Amino acid sequence: MELDATELKPVINRLKRAQGQLAAVTRMVEEGRECKDVVMQLSAVSKALDRAGFAIIATGLEQCLTREGASMDKAEMEKLFLSLA
């Protein structure tokens, strides 16, 4: 199944923000910043990625349920959800 990029514009934006946050985490580590600050920023990146992943899976599930010829079955969708758990 191919995802429609226009439907996922918010997800793409979230991933780009997460990419910027991750670059900031890298700089923080290189600069020797406080552990607490680094971990908090890393947690924000992780949550952003999780939310993006769930949004992609939800969109895929919706497409599987509403479009003819969708190629993913229930077991494959479940495996995708569990991969983010």
Protein backbone atom coordinates (compact mmCIF):
# COMPACT_ATOMS: atom_id res chain seq x y z
CA MET A 1 0.00 0.00 0.00
CA GLU A 2 1.29 3.43 -0.90
CA LEU A 3 0.40 6.36 1.32
CA ASP A 4 -0.91 9.60 -0.11
CA ALA A 5 1.62 12.32 0.77
CA THR A 6 -1.04 15.04 0.60
CA GLU A 7 -3.03 13.28 3.34
CA LEU A 8 0.12 13.06 5.46
CA LYS A 9 1.28 16.70 5.19
CA PRO A 10 0.89 17.24 8.97
CA VAL A 11 2.94 14.08 9.58
CA ILE A 12 5.65 15.27 7.22
CA ASN A 13 5.78 18.58 9.08
CA ARG A 14 6.00 16.76 12.42
CA LEU A 15 8.86 14.61 11.14
CA LYS A 16 10.75 17.68 9.94
CA ARG A 17 10.34 19.30 13.37
CA ALA A 18 11.54 16.09 15.02
CA GLN A 19 14.56 16.10 12.73
CA GLY A 20 15.39 19.61 13.92
CA GLN A 21 14.88 18.59 17.54
CA LEU A 22 17.20 15.63 17.08
CA ALA A 23 19.89 17.88 15.63
CA ALA A 24 19.48 20.07 18.71
CA VAL A 25 19.93 17.04 20.97
CA THR A 26 23.13 16.15 19.14
CA ARG A 27 24.45 19.69 19.62
CA MET A 28 23.49 19.61 23.30
CA VAL A 29 25.47 16.41 23.84
CA GLU A 30 28.45 17.78 21.91
CA GLU A 31 28.35 20.94 24.04
CA GLY A 32 28.22 18.96 27.28
CA ARG A 33 24.82 20.29 28.36
CA GLU A 34 23.03 19.11 31.48
CA CYS A 35 21.84 15.51 31.36
CA LYS A 36 18.31 16.50 32.42
CA ASP A 37 17.99 18.98 29.55
CA VAL A 38 19.29 16.47 27.00
CA VAL A 39 16.95 13.72 28.19
CA MET A 40 13.94 16.04 28.18
CA GLN A 41 14.67 17.10 24.60
CA LEU A 42 15.29 13.50 23.56
CA SER A 43 11.95 12.52 25.10
CA ALA A 44 10.23 15.20 23.03
CA VAL A 45 11.82 13.82 19.86
CA SER A 46 10.76 10.29 20.75
CA LYS A 47 7.15 11.34 21.38
CA ALA A 48 7.04 13.28 18.11
CA LEU A 49 8.26 10.24 16.20
CA ASP A 50 5.75 7.99 17.95
CA ARG A 51 2.89 10.35 17.11
CA ALA A 52 4.02 10.50 13.49
CA GLY A 53 4.20 6.72 13.32
CA PHE A 54 0.73 6.27 14.77
CA ALA A 55 -0.67 8.85 12.36
CA ILE A 56 0.90 7.01 9.43
CA ILE A 57 -0.52 3.69 10.61
CA ALA A 58 -3.96 5.21 11.21
CA THR A 59 -3.96 6.67 7.71
CA GLY A 60 -2.89 3.33 6.30
CA LEU A 61 -5.64 1.56 8.22
CA GLU A 62 -8.22 4.02 6.95
CA GLN A 63 -7.03 3.50 3.40
CA CYS A 64 -7.15 -0.27 3.82
CA LEU A 65 -10.74 -0.08 5.03
CA THR A 66 -12.01 2.37 2.43
CA ARG A 67 -10.13 1.65 -0.78
CA GLU A 68 -10.53 -1.30 -3.06
CA GLY A 69 -7.46 -3.38 -3.74
CA ALA A 70 -5.73 -2.44 -0.47
CA SER A 71 -2.91 -4.86 0.15
CA MET A 72 -2.50 -4.95 3.96
CA ASP A 73 -4.43 -7.39 6.08
CA LYS A 74 -5.35 -7.21 9.76
CA ALA A 75 -2.27 -9.14 10.90
CA GLU A 76 0.08 -6.78 9.05
CA MET A 77 -1.64 -3.70 10.52
CA GLU A 78 -1.42 -5.22 14.02
CA LYS A 79 2.28 -5.88 13.52
CA LEU A 80 2.80 -2.24 12.52
CA PHE A 81 0.98 -0.97 15.62
CA LEU A 82 3.01 -3.26 17.87
CA SER A 83 6.27 -2.12 16.29
CA LEU A 84 5.67 1.31 17.88
CA ALA A 85 4.71 -0.06 21.29
